[in-house]
Protein backbone atom coordinates (compact mmCIF):
# COMPACT_ATOMS: atom_id res chain seq x y z
CA MET A 1 82.33 106.03 61.37
CA ASN A 2 80.95 104.44 64.40
CA LEU A 3 81.53 101.07 62.97
CA LEU A 4 85.22 102.12 62.31
CA PHE A 5 85.88 103.56 65.72
CA TRP A 6 84.34 100.13 67.22
CA LEU A 7 86.90 98.05 64.92
CA PHE A 8 89.64 100.03 66.07
CA ALA A 9 88.77 99.75 69.99
CA LYS A 10 88.75 95.45 68.93
CA LEU A 11 92.34 95.73 67.46
CA PRO A 12 94.88 94.38 69.89
CA PRO A 13 96.83 97.67 71.23
CA ASP A 14 100.25 97.05 69.17
CA VAL A 15 98.46 96.72 66.07
CA LEU A 16 96.22 99.75 66.51
CA ARG A 17 99.07 101.68 67.48
CA ALA A 18 101.18 100.32 64.47
CA LEU A 19 98.47 101.47 62.30
CA LEU A 20 97.87 104.72 63.33
CA ARG A 21 101.44 105.43 63.24
CA PHE A 22 101.32 104.52 59.79
CA ALA A 23 98.48 106.89 59.24
CA ALA A 24 100.19 109.45 61.17
CA ARG A 25 103.26 109.07 58.75
CA VAL A 26 101.39 109.17 55.75
CA VAL A 27 99.73 112.58 57.09
CA HIS A 28 103.19 114.09 57.62
CA ALA A 29 104.34 112.65 54.21
CA LEU A 30 101.12 114.76 52.72
CA GLY A 31 102.13 117.60 54.37
CA ILE A 32 98.75 118.01 55.98
CA ARG A 33 99.31 121.06 58.40
CA ARG A 34 103.01 120.26 58.55
CA LYS A 35 104.01 123.68 57.15
CA ILE A 36 102.35 125.47 60.31
CA ALA A 37 103.83 122.79 62.65
CA ARG A 38 107.18 123.74 61.28
CA ARG A 39 106.79 127.33 61.66
CA ASN A 40 105.59 127.13 65.09
CA VAL A 41 108.57 125.19 66.27
CA ALA A 42 110.58 127.35 64.27
CA LEU A 43 109.32 130.30 66.54
CA ALA A 44 109.46 128.35 69.72
CA PHE A 45 113.17 127.13 69.42
CA PRO A 46 115.01 129.76 66.89
CA GLU A 47 118.23 128.12 67.95
CA MET A 48 117.30 124.95 66.73
CA ASP A 49 118.80 123.75 63.39
CA GLU A 50 116.51 122.67 60.26
CA ARG A 51 117.26 119.47 60.61
CA SER A 52 116.40 119.21 64.21
CA ARG A 53 113.18 120.66 63.74
CA ASP A 54 111.99 118.53 61.02
CA ALA A 55 112.94 115.53 63.42
CA LEU A 56 111.10 117.44 66.02
CA VAL A 57 107.73 117.62 63.53
CA ARG A 58 107.88 113.90 62.37
CA ALA A 59 108.02 112.81 65.93
CA ASN A 60 104.78 115.04 66.99
CA TYR A 61 102.72 113.32 64.02
CA LEU A 62 103.84 110.12 65.41
CA HIS A 63 103.22 110.96 68.99
CA LEU A 64 99.76 112.17 68.04
CA GLY A 65 99.18 108.46 66.50
CA GLU A 66 99.88 106.77 68.96
CA CYS A 67 97.79 108.73 71.91
CA ALA A 68 94.97 108.45 69.26
CA ALA A 69 95.12 104.78 69.31
CA ASP A 70 94.90 104.60 73.23
CA PHE A 71 92.19 107.03 73.05
CA LEU A 72 90.41 105.13 70.46
CA ARG A 73 90.74 101.58 72.52
CA SER A 74 89.35 103.25 75.83
CA PRO A 75 85.58 102.11 75.30
CA LYS A 76 86.30 98.73 75.30
CA MET A 77 88.88 98.66 78.02
CA SER A 78 88.36 97.82 81.72
CA ASP A 79 88.74 100.13 84.19
CA GLU A 80 91.68 98.13 85.93
CA ALA A 81 93.45 98.04 82.41
CA LEU A 82 92.91 102.01 81.69
CA PHE A 83 93.95 102.87 85.38
CA SER A 84 97.27 100.36 84.94
CA MET A 85 98.16 102.81 81.98
CA VAL A 86 98.41 106.08 84.04
CA GLU A 87 100.99 106.44 87.15
CA ALA A 88 98.87 108.96 89.11
CA ASP A 89 100.60 109.67 92.49
CA ASP A 90 99.73 113.55 91.39
CA TYR A 91 95.97 112.81 92.02
CA GLU A 92 96.70 112.71 95.46
CA LYS A 93 97.05 116.72 95.21
CA VAL A 94 93.66 116.99 94.24
CA ARG A 95 91.85 113.61 95.75
CA GLY A 96 90.73 115.37 99.05
CA LEU A 97 88.76 118.39 96.71
CA ILE A 98 87.10 115.66 94.49
CA GLU A 99 86.13 113.29 97.30
CA ALA A 100 84.57 116.24 99.37
CA LYS A 101 82.95 117.80 96.15
CA GLU A 102 84.89 120.64 96.29
CA GLY A 103 84.99 122.72 92.63
CA LEU A 104 88.23 123.08 91.05
CA ILE A 105 89.75 125.01 88.05
CA VAL A 106 91.83 122.59 85.89
CA PRO A 107 93.77 124.63 83.01
CA THR A 108 95.02 122.01 80.42
CA ALA A 109 96.38 121.74 76.82
CA HIS A 110 97.14 119.98 73.89
CA PHE A 111 99.67 118.15 75.55
CA GLY A 112 100.57 114.41 76.10
CA ASN A 113 97.44 112.44 75.51
CA PHE A 114 94.79 114.99 76.24
CA GLU A 115 91.77 113.27 75.05
CA LEU A 116 92.53 109.78 77.24
CA PHE A 117 93.32 112.36 80.13
CA GLY A 118 89.51 113.31 80.25
CA VAL A 119 88.41 109.59 79.82
CA TRP A 120 90.86 108.66 82.67
CA ALA A 121 89.58 110.92 84.88
CA GLY A 122 85.90 110.40 84.40
CA ARG A 123 86.21 106.77 84.31
CA ARG A 124 88.07 107.38 88.23
CA GLY A 125 84.70 109.34 89.09
CA VAL A 126 86.34 112.78 88.84
CA PRO A 127 82.98 114.96 88.07
CA ILE A 128 84.96 116.51 85.33
CA ALA A 129 83.44 119.31 82.87
CA ILE A 130 85.25 120.86 79.89
CA LEU A 131 84.58 124.01 77.98
CA THR A 132 85.19 122.86 74.31
CA ARG A 133 84.08 124.19 70.81
CA VAL A 134 81.19 122.26 69.03
CA LEU A 135 82.72 119.70 66.69
CA LYS A 136 81.08 118.82 63.56
CA GLY A 137 80.90 115.82 61.15
CA SER A 138 80.46 112.09 62.02
CA ALA A 139 84.14 111.66 62.76
CA ASN A 140 83.91 114.21 65.40
CA ALA A 141 80.62 112.78 66.66
CA ALA A 142 82.32 109.79 67.15
CA TRP A 143 85.32 110.95 68.48
CA VAL A 144 82.75 113.29 71.18
CA LYS A 145 81.00 109.90 71.56
CA THR A 146 84.14 108.41 73.21
CA ARG A 147 84.33 111.45 75.89
CA GLU A 148 80.97 110.89 76.69
CA LEU A 149 81.11 107.44 77.34
CA ALA A 150 83.74 108.08 80.01
CA GLY A 151 81.54 110.72 81.80
CA VAL A 152 83.28 113.65 80.71
CA ARG A 153 80.75 116.57 80.47
CA GLU A 154 81.17 119.35 77.69
CA ILE A 155 80.32 123.10 78.09
CA HIS A 156 79.88 124.97 74.78
CA LYS A 157 79.56 128.39 76.19
CA GLY A 158 78.42 130.76 79.20
CA TRP A 159 80.20 132.01 81.65
CA ASN A 160 77.50 131.19 84.13
CA ASN A 161 77.75 127.76 83.18
CA LEU A 162 81.50 127.56 84.25
CA PHE A 163 80.85 129.18 87.41
CA ASP A 164 78.25 126.80 87.91
CA ALA A 165 80.26 123.85 87.34
CA VAL A 166 82.67 124.60 90.02
CA ARG A 167 80.17 125.82 92.41
CA ARG A 168 78.40 122.38 92.03
CA GLY A 169 81.71 120.54 92.57
CA ASP A 170 82.96 119.67 89.13
CA ALA A 171 86.72 119.74 88.18
CA LEU A 172 86.25 122.14 85.09
CA ALA A 173 89.14 121.79 82.60
CA LEU A 174 89.95 124.95 80.75
CA LEU A 175 92.40 124.54 77.48
CA ILE A 176 94.71 127.48 77.85
CA ASP A 177 96.73 126.73 74.49
CA GLN A 178 94.24 127.54 71.67
CA ASN A 179 94.43 131.02 69.91
CA MET A 180 92.05 133.36 70.98
CA LEU A 181 90.19 136.11 69.36
CA ARG A 182 91.83 139.44 70.24
CA ARG A 183 88.31 140.54 72.01
CA ARG A 184 88.34 137.89 73.83
CA ALA A 185 92.20 137.45 75.02
CA VAL A 186 94.68 138.70 77.27
CA PHE A 187 98.36 138.94 75.54
CA VAL A 188 100.94 136.92 77.78
CA PRO A 189 104.15 135.53 76.72
CA PHE A 190 104.46 131.94 75.54
CA PHE A 191 107.75 130.62 73.98
CA GLY A 192 108.81 134.39 74.11
CA ILE A 193 106.26 135.43 72.03
CA GLU A 194 102.95 137.63 73.05
CA ALA A 195 99.79 134.93 72.41
CA ALA A 196 96.66 135.37 72.54
CA THR A 197 95.20 133.41 75.60
CA THR A 198 92.35 132.58 77.43
CA PRO A 199 91.77 134.63 80.59
CA SER A 200 89.00 131.65 82.00
CA PRO A 201 91.09 130.24 84.82
CA ALA A 202 91.57 133.92 86.38
CA LYS A 203 88.10 135.00 85.70
CA VAL A 204 86.50 131.63 87.21
CA ALA A 205 88.69 131.74 90.37
CA ILE A 206 88.10 135.14 90.60
CA GLU A 207 84.20 134.55 90.76
CA THR A 208 84.20 131.23 92.68
CA GLY A 209 87.58 131.29 94.57
CA ALA A 210 88.41 127.79 93.94
CA PRO A 211 91.87 126.75 93.70
CA VAL A 212 93.80 126.02 90.15
CA PHE A 213 95.74 123.16 89.48
CA LEU A 214 97.31 122.69 86.07
CA ALA A 215 97.02 119.13 85.01
CA LEU A 216 98.62 116.94 82.45
CA LEU A 217 99.04 113.42 81.00
CA LYS A 218 102.53 113.15 79.61
CA ARG A 219 103.28 109.88 77.68
CA VAL A 220 106.19 108.32 79.20
CA SER A 221 106.72 104.81 76.74
CA ARG A 222 104.55 103.21 74.41
CA GLY A 223 101.17 102.77 76.09
CA LYS A 224 102.35 104.30 79.54
CA TYR A 225 101.20 107.48 80.84
CA ARG A 226 101.89 110.00 83.87
CA LEU A 227 99.66 112.44 85.31
CA ILE A 228 100.97 115.70 86.25
CA ILE A 229 99.55 118.23 88.37
CA GLU A 230 100.77 121.46 89.62
CA GLY A 231 99.11 123.24 92.34
CA PRO A 232 97.42 124.83 93.86
CA LEU A 233 97.91 127.90 92.11
CA HIS A 234 95.79 130.55 93.75
CA PHE A 235 94.65 133.86 92.03
CA GLU A 236 96.22 137.36 93.80
CA ARG A 237 95.39 140.37 93.79
CA LYS A 238 98.65 142.25 93.62
CA SER A 239 98.13 145.81 92.03
CA ASP A 240 94.99 148.16 91.97
CA ASP A 241 94.35 147.05 88.15
CA LEU A 242 92.50 143.71 87.82
CA GLN A 243 93.45 143.22 84.32
CA ASP A 244 96.99 143.35 85.27
CA ASP A 245 96.79 140.66 87.71
CA ILE A 246 94.88 138.74 85.45
CA ARG A 247 97.66 138.81 82.86
CA ALA A 248 100.12 138.13 85.39
CA PHE A 249 98.18 134.86 86.35
CA THR A 250 97.92 133.83 83.04
CA ALA A 251 101.20 134.37 82.16
CA ARG A 252 102.34 132.04 85.07
CA LEU A 253 100.01 129.33 83.76
CA ASN A 254 102.03 130.04 80.52
CA GLU A 255 105.19 129.53 82.22
CA CYS A 256 104.02 126.03 83.76
CA LEU A 257 102.72 125.05 80.35
CA GLU A 258 105.84 126.12 78.41
CA ARG A 259 108.28 124.12 80.97
CA GLN A 260 106.76 121.25 80.51
CA ILE A 261 106.75 121.20 76.67
CA ARG A 262 110.05 122.09 76.88
CA GLU A 263 110.72 118.76 78.57
CA SER A 264 109.22 116.61 75.98
CA PRO A 265 108.46 118.97 73.02
CA GLU A 266 107.17 116.30 70.61
CA GLN A 267 104.34 116.09 72.96
CA TRP A 268 102.72 119.37 72.24
CA PHE A 269 100.08 120.01 69.50
CA TRP A 270 102.53 121.85 67.14
CA VAL A 271 99.81 121.66 64.31
CA HIS A 272 97.87 124.59 65.29
CA ARG A 273 98.24 127.95 64.67
CA ARG A 274 98.98 128.92 68.03
CA PHE A 275 99.86 132.74 67.50
CA LYS A 276 97.83 133.77 64.76
CA THR A 277 96.27 136.66 66.51
CA ARG A 278 98.71 139.60 66.99
CA PRO A 279 98.19 141.95 69.91
CA ASN A 280 97.56 144.69 67.37
CA GLU A 281 95.68 145.31 63.83
CA GLY A 282 98.35 145.46 61.38
CA ASP A 283 100.87 143.44 63.32
CA PRO A 284 102.61 141.33 60.90
CA ASP A 285 101.03 137.91 60.34
CA LEU A 286 103.26 135.21 61.86
CA TYR A 287 102.37 132.47 59.34
């Protein structure tokens, strides 16, 4: 698998993109996770007709193939080549914090080229740490190695590890668009549906007092991206109930993310069962 990834990185950019677009078409044609993607699109865009939904799902698979190609090329790219792919004006919003080694909390999502985002940040010298699940298997090991080569540090568990990362001056990336177990989630709207959402950004902000910046790497054309940073978003106590304030802050993050997805819906990860966990046991299964 490492050899395959090495070969991918050696291919000319347009050849690799064409290859992975073709692979994406095959995956779509085989129906791999296509039913899930169609269901998610139907839930998020009930006003959209069936033909438009199918077109959006196809575009999403092609987008993921293009993004995978650019990510897999990154280990063999020079800094100059990598940085030229990204319009990074929004980086100025956090540059001072990064250079002063003040910690910040970075909610992010499976939107745009989420893998290249970590690589770009690491290569820019951002001390980035990301909370992620352990990925098993040889393909995933090679994928994770590509992150490591860029300086991305993974955290797999432990609240204290998250707090320590921010206090150390890291940019702590937290994915906010994954389905959560009911006992670990707060339920807040996402595309009008009560979605099991991580409260991690709010809880880390409460503990550390660090500012929060939503950050995404949006694809704007073939091989070109734009860094999008919204913030600072400060956690505030607005009621006598801390849990209500956590839910309100988490809902605000979901609103920001949803707005970005609605602008470029083909760039979100529709193949994930985002709405699997329902607020109450016995609620109808959405899948």
